[in-house]
């Protein structure tokens, strides 16, 4: 879509408050389009959009569509949906009935990507963190980069920074199979894992969806340490954190603690420099290596990267420290897949170990987990139990369905029963209000509390601080 046509277009987002949908809406507003949208919940994103001039509805009724059609008579109106919108949604039903132009969010993102030199970040885990690190490096080193991601990037305090720049960092999602719509100059595959069981029935289907993404990328950057991507894809551009041999980019860690990671950086097997990275965790080091590698692939000077690396920060909800209540520290993390929980608990252990070195007080690692989707719990019950049981104390809340039906009558109890066989310190707690009510019974001074999940669990801190701070 060219600029003139874009300015003549209006976009109405059904479900505008989601992190991915709101990023696109912000981007279109910045491009000069008019935007409206509906969501049943008001949040920071909808408030931000209203300030930028979007018309926001807090209901999803056909009246909203009629209003948009009557208000924007001189414009070409596109109605935008994500895969989260159910076919019975009243706005969507009305659009279908009236044969209006309905576009999937992936089509809008793909359209925007075409107008930039695009670096597309894909993979089962770590997409938002990698996009954040890459966006930060490119912003500081080139001042010529835009970004659209599924998380809040600290340097912009937004999930979208869309300007008339040369480069665009775009986080692309494989969860609904629309990843084949995206064409990029550099395609990055962080790792591949079986997930999104509501859409994919096995790992082979996940690999196929990434293959179409790889074919649509002019250059492909691959994680050599991920066995699945290593064995199923070919590229001259690979990164690693375990070896500098046969890879184009490597950071081999020499020290990892709760404050920073020190590593030796190599290009094409040649040692270049030591790096002091202000982010802990091996999984984060992999994401940072990918960001540095992609920056080098588009010609960013390594000295510039080294100079600006100290400004790297994690996106929100990625091991995000929320605060303390009576000497109990609370961290939010988006971990909702067993392998993500594994890395988050490992990082929590690193923090506790550091604390023990400095203080005598014994700290416990408390995991509060809100499972996300019945299909995921059904598929990974044993893996969830295996990883969660590694915390000292585990509280599992009811499942956040994300609009899924629950024909199999699955509950969190299947996870807690399995954890109990490995670790007796596990309790099922219905919701976050129950956690708040019994907070002092469930926790003690010195505890490091990891609050994990992809649903509404991150409201816990505001509920807690309202009651106790």
Protein backbone atom coordinates (compact mmCIF):
# COMPACT_ATOMS: atom_id res chain seq x y z
CA UNK A 1 0.00 0.00 0.00
CA UNK A 2 1.60 3.31 -1.03
CA UNK A 3 1.64 6.41 1.16
CA UNK A 4 -1.24 8.18 -0.64
CA UNK A 5 -3.49 5.14 -0.34
CA UNK A 6 -2.46 4.68 3.29
CA UNK A 7 -3.55 8.24 4.13
CA UNK A 8 -6.92 7.56 2.49
CA UNK A 9 -7.39 4.46 4.64
CA UNK A 10 -9.07 3.97 8.01
CA UNK A 11 -8.30 0.93 10.18
CA UNK A 12 -10.67 -0.44 12.82
CA UNK A 13 -9.11 -3.06 15.12
CA UNK A 14 -11.40 -5.61 16.74
CA UNK A 15 -9.49 -6.31 19.97
CA UNK A 16 -7.23 -3.25 19.83
CA UNK A 17 -5.90 -3.56 23.40
CA UNK A 18 -3.74 -6.64 22.78
CA UNK A 19 0.03 -6.05 22.79
CA UNK A 20 0.43 -7.00 19.10
CA UNK A 21 -2.71 -5.27 17.81
CA UNK A 22 -2.03 -2.03 19.72
CA UNK A 23 1.53 -1.90 18.27
CA UNK A 24 0.11 -1.97 14.72
CA UNK A 25 -2.54 0.61 15.61
CA UNK A 26 0.14 2.98 17.00
CA UNK A 27 2.24 2.42 13.86
CA UNK A 28 -0.64 3.29 11.53
CA UNK A 29 -1.46 6.42 13.53
CA UNK A 30 2.18 7.48 13.19
CA UNK A 31 1.93 6.90 9.43
CA UNK A 32 -0.96 9.40 9.35
CA UNK A 33 -3.88 6.95 9.10
CA UNK A 34 -7.04 7.30 11.11
CA UNK A 35 -7.61 4.43 13.56
CA UNK A 36 -10.43 3.13 15.72
CA UNK A 37 -10.80 -0.04 17.72
CA UNK A 38 -12.75 -1.96 20.29
CA UNK A 39 -11.80 -3.91 23.40
CA UNK A 40 -13.74 -5.11 26.40
CA UNK A 41 -10.93 -4.07 28.75
CA UNK A 42 -9.34 -0.65 29.10
CA UNK A 43 -5.56 -0.89 29.61
CA UNK A 44 -2.38 1.16 29.21
CA UNK A 45 -2.38 0.46 25.48
CA UNK A 46 -5.95 1.67 24.86
CA UNK A 47 -5.27 4.80 26.94
CA UNK A 48 -2.12 5.51 24.90
CA UNK A 49 -4.06 5.03 21.65
CA UNK A 50 -6.78 7.45 22.75
CA UNK A 51 -4.14 10.08 23.49
CA UNK A 52 -2.73 9.56 19.99
CA UNK A 53 -6.19 10.19 18.49
CA UNK A 54 -7.73 6.74 18.05
CA UNK A 55 -11.48 6.27 18.64
CA UNK A 56 -11.81 3.53 21.28
CA UNK A 57 -14.98 1.53 22.04
CA UNK A 58 -15.27 -0.46 25.29
CA UNK A 59 -17.86 -2.82 23.84
CA UNK A 60 -17.88 -5.09 20.81
CA UNK A 61 -21.26 -4.55 19.20
CA UNK A 62 -22.37 -4.01 15.61
CA UNK A 63 -23.28 -0.42 16.48
CA UNK A 64 -19.52 0.35 16.64
CA UNK A 65 -19.09 -0.78 13.01
CA UNK A 66 -22.08 1.29 11.90
CA UNK A 67 -20.60 4.33 13.65
CA UNK A 68 -17.18 3.85 11.98
CA UNK A 69 -18.80 3.49 8.53
CA UNK A 70 -20.86 6.67 9.04
CA UNK A 71 -17.95 8.71 10.45
CA UNK A 72 -15.25 7.79 7.91
CA UNK A 73 -17.33 8.00 4.71
CA UNK A 74 -14.45 9.45 2.65
CA UNK A 75 -12.04 6.64 3.54
CA UNK A 76 -11.27 3.09 2.52
CA UNK A 77 -12.10 1.19 5.73
CA UNK A 78 -10.26 -1.96 6.75
CA UNK A 79 -11.44 -4.07 9.70
CA UNK A 80 -8.51 -5.81 11.39
CA UNK A 81 -8.69 -8.99 13.46
CA UNK A 82 -6.19 -11.29 15.15
CA UNK A 83 -6.55 -15.05 15.56
CA UNK A 84 -7.75 -14.39 19.12
CA UNK A 85 -11.05 -12.99 17.81
CA UNK A 86 -13.75 -15.65 17.82
CA UNK A 87 -15.99 -16.15 14.74
CA UNK A 88 -19.07 -15.34 16.86
CA UNK A 89 -17.74 -11.86 17.81
CA UNK A 90 -20.60 -9.46 17.10
CA UNK A 91 -18.45 -6.88 15.27
CA UNK A 92 -16.82 -9.54 13.11
CA UNK A 93 -20.18 -11.19 12.33
CA UNK A 94 -21.59 -7.84 11.18
CA UNK A 95 -18.51 -7.15 8.98
CA UNK A 96 -18.92 -10.57 7.35
CA UNK A 97 -22.67 -10.09 6.90
CA UNK A 98 -22.11 -6.73 5.16
CA UNK A 99 -19.17 -8.09 3.13
CA UNK A 100 -16.78 -5.46 4.50
CA UNK A 101 -12.99 -5.56 4.04
CA UNK A 102 -11.57 -7.79 6.82
CA UNK A 103 -7.81 -8.15 7.19
CA UNK A 104 -5.77 -10.32 9.55
CA UNK A 105 -3.22 -8.42 11.68
CA UNK A 106 -0.43 -10.34 9.89
CA UNK A 107 -1.42 -8.69 6.58
CA UNK A 108 -1.06 -5.23 8.12
CA UNK A 109 2.34 -6.02 9.63
CA UNK A 110 3.52 -7.61 6.34
CA UNK A 111 2.41 -4.45 4.48
CA UNK A 112 4.39 -2.18 6.84
CA UNK A 113 7.47 -4.45 6.67
CA UNK A 114 7.69 -4.02 2.88
CA UNK A 115 8.57 -0.33 3.18
CA UNK A 116 11.77 -0.91 5.24
CA UNK A 117 14.94 -2.98 5.33
CA UNK A 118 13.35 -5.42 7.77
CA UNK A 119 14.96 -7.60 10.41
CA UNK A 120 12.26 -10.09 11.42
CA UNK A 121 12.65 -11.89 14.76
CA UNK A 122 11.02 -15.33 14.93
CA UNK A 123 11.32 -18.37 17.18
CA UNK A 124 9.45 -20.27 19.86
CA UNK A 125 11.05 -18.43 22.81
CA UNK A 126 12.79 -15.10 23.38
CA UNK A 127 11.37 -13.16 20.42
CA UNK A 128 10.40 -10.09 22.43
CA UNK A 129 13.72 -9.99 24.31
CA UNK A 130 15.74 -10.39 21.10
CA UNK A 131 13.63 -7.70 19.38
CA UNK A 132 14.22 -5.40 22.37
CA UNK A 133 18.00 -5.92 22.36
CA UNK A 134 18.21 -5.51 18.58
CA UNK A 135 15.99 -2.39 18.60
CA UNK A 136 18.12 -0.83 21.36
CA UNK A 137 21.42 -1.53 19.57
CA UNK A 138 20.13 -0.19 16.24
CA UNK A 139 18.56 2.89 17.83
CA UNK A 140 21.75 3.83 19.67
CA UNK A 141 24.18 2.87 16.88
CA UNK A 142 22.31 4.05 13.76
CA UNK A 143 19.51 6.43 14.91
CA UNK A 144 17.83 5.06 11.79
CA UNK A 145 15.61 2.26 13.06
CA UNK A 146 11.95 1.59 13.79
CA UNK A 147 10.34 -1.28 15.67
CA UNK A 148 7.08 -3.19 16.11
CA UNK A 149 7.11 -5.82 18.85
CA UNK A 150 4.94 -7.84 21.22
CA UNK A 151 6.32 -6.17 24.35
CA UNK A 152 7.19 -2.82 25.87
CA UNK A 153 10.73 -1.82 24.84
CA UNK A 154 12.36 0.32 27.58
CA UNK A 155 14.25 2.68 25.22
CA UNK A 156 10.92 3.73 23.62
CA UNK A 157 8.62 2.83 26.53
CA UNK A 158 6.37 1.44 23.82
CA UNK A 159 5.69 -1.65 21.72
CA UNK A 160 5.90 0.49 18.58
CA UNK A 161 8.34 3.12 17.34
CA UNK A 162 7.53 3.66 13.68
CA UNK A 163 9.30 6.51 11.88
CA UNK A 164 10.66 7.17 8.38
CA UNK A 165 13.80 5.14 8.98
CA UNK A 166 15.85 2.73 6.91
CA UNK A 167 15.56 -0.28 9.24
CA UNK A 168 12.63 -1.96 10.94
CA UNK A 169 12.84 -4.60 13.68
CA UNK A 170 9.64 -6.67 13.55
CA UNK A 171 8.69 -9.44 15.95
CA UNK A 172 6.80 -12.07 13.98
CA UNK A 173 4.56 -14.68 15.53
CA UNK A 174 4.24 -18.33 14.52
CA UNK A 175 1.39 -19.19 16.91
CA UNK A 176 -1.42 -19.12 14.31
CA UNK A 177 0.43 -20.17 11.15
CA UNK A 178 0.48 -16.66 9.62
CA UNK A 179 4.31 -16.49 9.76
CA UNK A 180 4.37 -17.39 6.03
CA UNK A 181 3.00 -13.89 5.22
CA UNK A 182 6.21 -12.09 6.23
CA UNK A 183 9.06 -11.20 3.86
CA UNK A 184 12.27 -9.91 5.44
CA UNK A 185 15.79 -8.88 4.55
CA UNK A 186 17.14 -10.75 7.55
CA UNK A 187 15.08 -13.49 9.19
CA UNK A 188 16.18 -14.53 12.66
CA UNK A 189 15.17 -17.90 14.14
CA UNK A 190 15.93 -17.91 17.87
CA UNK A 191 14.98 -21.52 18.50
CA UNK A 192 12.21 -23.98 17.65
CA UNK A 193 10.11 -25.89 20.16
CA UNK A 194 6.70 -27.56 20.15
CA UNK A 195 4.09 -25.08 21.40
CA UNK A 196 0.72 -23.56 20.42
CA UNK A 197 -0.99 -26.95 20.55
CA UNK A 198 -4.28 -25.18 19.78
CA UNK A 199 -2.96 -24.63 16.23
CA UNK A 200 -0.18 -27.18 15.61
CA UNK A 201 -0.68 -30.91 16.19
CA UNK A 202 3.03 -31.80 16.28
CA UNK A 203 6.58 -30.48 16.05
CA UNK A 204 6.82 -31.20 12.29
CA UNK A 205 4.04 -28.69 11.62
CA UNK A 206 5.89 -26.06 13.68
CA UNK A 207 9.10 -26.72 11.70
CA UNK A 208 7.17 -26.40 8.39
CA UNK A 209 5.83 -22.99 9.38
CA UNK A 210 9.37 -21.78 10.14
CA UNK A 211 10.55 -23.21 6.78
CA UNK A 212 8.15 -20.92 4.92
CA UNK A 213 9.47 -17.99 6.99
CA UNK A 214 13.08 -18.99 6.12
CA UNK A 215 12.22 -19.16 2.40
CA UNK A 216 10.78 -15.62 2.59
CA UNK A 217 13.97 -14.22 4.20
CA UNK A 218 16.75 -12.91 1.93
CA UNK A 219 19.27 -13.89 4.62
CA UNK A 220 18.71 -16.27 7.51
CA UNK A 221 20.33 -16.01 10.96
CA UNK A 222 20.13 -19.24 12.97
CA UNK A 223 20.78 -20.37 16.53
CA UNK A 224 23.39 -23.15 16.23
CA UNK A 225 22.77 -24.21 19.86
CA UNK A 226 19.17 -25.19 19.14
CA UNK A 227 19.26 -28.77 17.88
CA UNK A 228 15.96 -28.51 15.98
CA UNK A 229 16.93 -25.39 14.02
CA UNK A 230 20.48 -26.71 13.46
CA UNK A 231 19.22 -30.01 12.01
CA UNK A 232 16.38 -28.64 9.89
CA UNK A 233 17.74 -25.40 8.39
CA UNK A 234 20.84 -24.31 6.54
CA UNK A 235 22.50 -20.91 6.74
CA UNK A 236 26.01 -19.44 6.59
CA UNK A 237 25.00 -17.09 9.39
CA UNK A 238 24.76 -18.89 12.72
CA UNK A 239 25.41 -17.89 16.31
CA UNK A 240 26.38 -19.88 19.39
CA UNK A 241 27.17 -19.55 23.09
CA UNK A 242 28.85 -22.94 23.35
CA UNK A 243 31.39 -22.90 20.53
CA UNK A 244 33.18 -20.44 18.24
CA UNK A 245 33.85 -23.16 15.63
CA UNK A 246 31.84 -23.33 12.41
CA UNK A 247 29.69 -20.34 13.36
CA UNK A 248 29.79 -16.74 12.16
CA UNK A 249 29.09 -15.19 15.59
CA UNK A 250 29.71 -16.42 19.13
CA UNK A 251 29.80 -15.14 22.68
CA UNK A 252 31.35 -17.70 25.00
CA UNK A 253 30.46 -16.81 28.61
CA UNK A 254 33.30 -16.57 31.15
CA UNK A 255 31.23 -15.25 34.07
CA UNK A 256 27.48 -15.11 34.76
CA UNK A 257 25.96 -13.66 37.91
CA UNK A 258 22.72 -11.94 38.87
CA UNK A 259 23.91 -8.52 37.63
CA UNK A 260 25.79 -9.15 34.39
CA UNK A 261 27.36 -11.63 31.97
CA UNK A 262 30.96 -11.44 30.75
CA UNK A 263 31.82 -13.25 27.54
CA UNK A 264 34.35 -13.52 24.74
CA UNK A 265 33.00 -12.37 21.38
CA UNK A 266 34.09 -14.11 18.16
CA UNK A 267 33.36 -13.54 14.48
CA UNK A 268 34.14 -16.30 11.99
CA UNK A 269 36.18 -18.11 14.69
CA UNK A 270 38.37 -15.02 15.34
CA UNK A 271 38.40 -13.57 18.86
CA UNK A 272 37.35 -9.91 18.67
CA UNK A 273 36.83 -8.63 22.21
CA UNK A 274 35.50 -9.32 25.69
CA UNK A 275 32.03 -7.96 26.41
CA UNK A 276 30.43 -6.97 29.71
CA UNK A 277 26.68 -7.34 29.24
CA UNK A 278 24.36 -5.88 31.93
CA UNK A 279 21.81 -8.74 31.64
CA UNK A 280 22.02 -12.07 33.51
CA UNK A 281 21.00 -15.52 32.26
CA UNK A 282 22.28 -17.83 29.52
CA UNK A 283 19.00 -17.66 27.58
CA UNK A 284 19.33 -13.87 27.52
CA UNK A 285 22.93 -14.17 26.32
CA UNK A 286 21.67 -16.18 23.33
CA UNK A 287 19.13 -13.45 22.50
CA UNK A 288 21.82 -10.74 22.84
CA UNK A 289 24.22 -12.69 20.61
CA UNK A 290 21.46 -12.88 17.96
CA UNK A 291 20.91 -9.10 18.23
CA UNK A 292 24.64 -8.35 17.85
CA UNK A 293 24.92 -10.81 14.94
CA UNK A 294 21.97 -9.23 13.09
CA UNK A 295 23.44 -5.74 13.66
CA UNK A 296 26.77 -6.84 12.22
CA UNK A 297 25.01 -8.40 9.21
CA UNK A 298 23.65 -4.97 8.23
CA UNK A 299 27.06 -3.33 8.74
CA UNK A 300 26.84 -1.79 12.23
CA UNK A 301 30.35 -1.08 13.54
CA UNK A 302 31.35 -3.45 16.35
CA UNK A 303 33.04 -0.64 18.33
CA UNK A 304 29.71 1.21 18.34
CA UNK A 305 27.91 -1.93 19.54
CA UNK A 306 30.44 -2.47 22.34
CA UNK A 307 30.12 1.16 23.42
CA UNK A 308 26.31 0.97 23.64
CA UNK A 309 25.87 -2.52 25.09
CA UNK A 310 25.73 -1.13 28.63
CA UNK A 311 22.32 0.39 27.83
CA UNK A 312 20.62 -2.95 27.14
CA UNK A 313 17.54 -3.68 29.27
CA UNK A 314 15.01 -6.48 29.31
CA UNK A 315 11.48 -5.74 28.09
CA UNK A 316 8.70 -5.55 30.67
CA UNK A 317 7.42 -8.85 32.13
CA UNK A 318 10.78 -10.53 31.48
CA UNK A 319 12.18 -11.17 34.97
CA UNK A 320 10.87 -7.72 35.83
CA UNK A 321 11.43 -6.63 39.43
CA UNK A 322 8.12 -5.18 40.65
CA UNK A 323 9.09 -4.31 44.21
CA UNK A 324 9.29 -5.51 47.80
CA UNK A 325 6.64 -6.12 50.43
CA UNK A 326 8.04 -6.67 53.92
CA UNK A 327 11.37 -8.06 52.66
CA UNK A 328 9.73 -10.29 50.03
CA UNK A 329 10.85 -9.53 46.46
CA UNK A 330 8.40 -9.99 43.61
CA UNK A 331 9.39 -10.57 39.97
CA UNK A 332 7.05 -10.85 36.97
CA UNK A 333 7.89 -13.13 34.08
CA UNK A 334 5.99 -14.06 30.93
CA UNK A 335 7.13 -17.73 31.13
CA UNK A 336 4.21 -19.96 30.10
CA UNK A 337 5.96 -22.91 28.40
CA UNK A 338 7.95 -25.52 30.38
CA UNK A 339 11.27 -24.53 28.75
CA UNK A 340 10.67 -20.86 29.61
CA UNK A 341 9.84 -21.80 33.22
CA UNK A 342 13.08 -23.81 33.34
CA UNK A 343 15.18 -20.76 32.36
CA UNK A 344 13.28 -18.37 34.64
CA UNK A 345 13.74 -20.64 37.68
CA UNK A 346 17.44 -21.03 36.81
CA UNK A 347 17.76 -17.25 36.78
CA UNK A 348 15.91 -17.01 40.10
CA UNK A 349 18.41 -19.49 41.58
CA UNK A 350 21.27 -17.28 40.34
CA UNK A 351 19.77 -14.31 42.19
CA UNK A 352 19.32 -16.33 45.39
CA UNK A 353 22.86 -17.69 45.21
CA UNK A 354 24.20 -14.12 44.89
CA UNK A 355 22.06 -13.07 47.86
CA UNK A 356 23.39 -15.93 49.99
CA UNK A 357 26.94 -14.88 49.22
CA UNK A 358 26.18 -11.43 50.62
CA UNK A 359 23.78 -12.25 53.47
CA UNK A 360 23.31 -15.01 56.02
CA UNK A 361 19.53 -15.18 55.68
CA UNK A 362 18.23 -18.25 53.85
CA UNK A 363 16.05 -17.28 50.89
CA UNK A 364 13.41 -19.45 49.27
CA UNK A 365 12.41 -19.46 45.63
CA UNK A 366 8.61 -19.24 45.43
CA UNK A 367 6.98 -19.96 42.06
CA UNK A 368 3.45 -18.67 41.48
CA UNK A 369 2.24 -19.99 38.14
CA UNK A 370 -0.91 -19.24 36.16
CA UNK A 371 -1.18 -21.89 33.39
CA UNK A 372 -2.15 -20.43 30.00
CA UNK A 373 -4.57 -22.36 27.72
CA UNK A 374 -6.14 -25.76 28.41
CA UNK A 375 -4.51 -27.23 25.26
CA UNK A 376 -1.03 -26.31 26.54
CA UNK A 377 -1.68 -27.79 30.00
CA UNK A 378 -3.00 -30.99 28.41
CA UNK A 379 0.05 -31.31 26.14
CA UNK A 380 2.75 -30.45 28.69
CA UNK A 381 1.39 -31.58 32.09
CA UNK A 382 4.46 -33.66 32.95
CA UNK A 383 6.93 -31.05 31.67
CA UNK A 384 5.23 -28.30 33.72
CA UNK A 385 5.40 -30.48 36.84
CA UNK A 386 9.06 -31.33 36.18
CA UNK A 387 10.20 -27.70 35.87
CA UNK A 388 7.95 -26.12 38.53
CA UNK A 389 8.95 -28.71 41.13
CA UNK A 390 12.48 -27.22 41.04
CA UNK A 391 11.25 -24.17 42.99
CA UNK A 392 11.23 -24.43 46.81
CA UNK A 393 7.52 -23.68 47.11
CA UNK A 394 4.96 -23.75 44.29
CA UNK A 395 1.52 -22.13 44.08
CA UNK A 396 -0.50 -22.97 40.95
CA UNK A 397 -3.59 -20.91 40.16
CA UNK A 398 -6.54 -21.74 37.91
CA UNK A 399 -5.95 -21.90 34.15
CA UNK A 400 -6.23 -18.73 32.05
CA UNK A 401 -8.24 -20.10 29.12
CA UNK A 402 -7.47 -17.30 26.60
CA UNK A 403 -10.89 -17.93 25.04
CA UNK A 404 -10.37 -21.68 24.56
CA UNK A 405 -13.14 -24.18 25.27
CA UNK A 406 -12.45 -26.84 27.91
CA UNK A 407 -14.15 -29.98 26.60
CA UNK A 408 -11.71 -32.23 28.49
CA UNK A 409 -12.50 -30.52 31.84
CA UNK A 410 -8.80 -29.85 32.46
CA UNK A 411 -7.85 -28.07 35.70
CA UNK A 412 -4.59 -27.01 37.35
CA UNK A 413 -4.98 -29.92 39.76
CA UNK A 414 -3.41 -32.27 37.22
CA UNK A 415 -0.20 -30.22 37.46
CA UNK A 416 -0.25 -29.87 41.27
CA UNK A 417 -0.84 -33.61 41.78
CA UNK A 418 2.20 -34.43 39.65
CA UNK A 419 4.37 -31.77 41.35
CA UNK A 420 3.38 -33.22 44.74
CA UNK A 421 5.12 -36.51 43.82
CA UNK A 422 8.39 -34.59 43.40
CA UNK A 423 7.98 -31.69 45.84
CA UNK A 424 5.45 -31.71 48.71
CA UNK A 425 5.53 -27.88 48.99
CA UNK A 426 2.83 -27.30 46.39
CA UNK A 427 -0.68 -25.85 46.77
CA UNK A 428 -3.44 -25.08 44.29
CA UNK A 429 -4.77 -21.56 44.86
CA UNK A 430 -7.83 -20.44 42.94
CA UNK A 431 -6.74 -16.91 41.98
CA UNK A 432 -4.53 -13.91 42.74
CA UNK A 433 -7.00 -12.42 45.22
CA UNK A 434 -6.58 -15.61 47.29
CA UNK A 435 -2.79 -15.19 47.10
CA UNK A 436 -3.13 -11.60 48.31
CA UNK A 437 -5.49 -12.52 51.14
CA UNK A 438 -3.11 -15.20 52.46
CA UNK A 439 0.14 -13.50 51.42
CA UNK A 440 1.82 -13.58 54.84
CA UNK A 441 0.86 -17.23 55.38
CA UNK A 442 2.19 -18.24 51.98
CA UNK A 443 5.47 -16.33 52.11
CA UNK A 444 8.20 -15.33 54.54
CA UNK A 445 10.88 -12.64 54.79
CA UNK A 446 13.71 -13.10 52.31
CA UNK A 447 11.60 -14.96 49.72
CA UNK A 448 12.19 -14.35 46.02
CA UNK A 449 8.75 -14.69 44.40
CA UNK A 450 8.51 -15.50 40.70
CA UNK A 451 5.07 -14.70 39.32
CA UNK A 452 4.85 -16.49 35.95
CA UNK A 453 2.31 -16.73 33.16
CA UNK A 454 0.93 -15.10 30.01
CA UNK A 455 -2.58 -14.28 31.26
CA UNK A 456 -3.78 -11.62 33.71
CA UNK A 457 -1.41 -12.82 36.48
CA UNK A 458 0.70 -9.68 36.20
CA UNK A 459 -2.03 -7.75 38.00
CA UNK A 460 -0.82 -9.42 41.20
CA UNK A 461 1.67 -6.68 42.05
CA UNK A 462 -0.92 -3.89 41.87
CA UNK A 463 -3.40 -5.99 43.96
CA UNK A 464 -0.69 -6.73 46.55
CA UNK A 465 0.75 -3.23 46.77
CA UNK A 466 -2.73 -1.73 47.13
CA UNK A 467 -3.36 -3.94 50.14
CA UNK A 468 0.03 -3.98 51.86
CA UNK A 469 2.06 -0.94 50.78
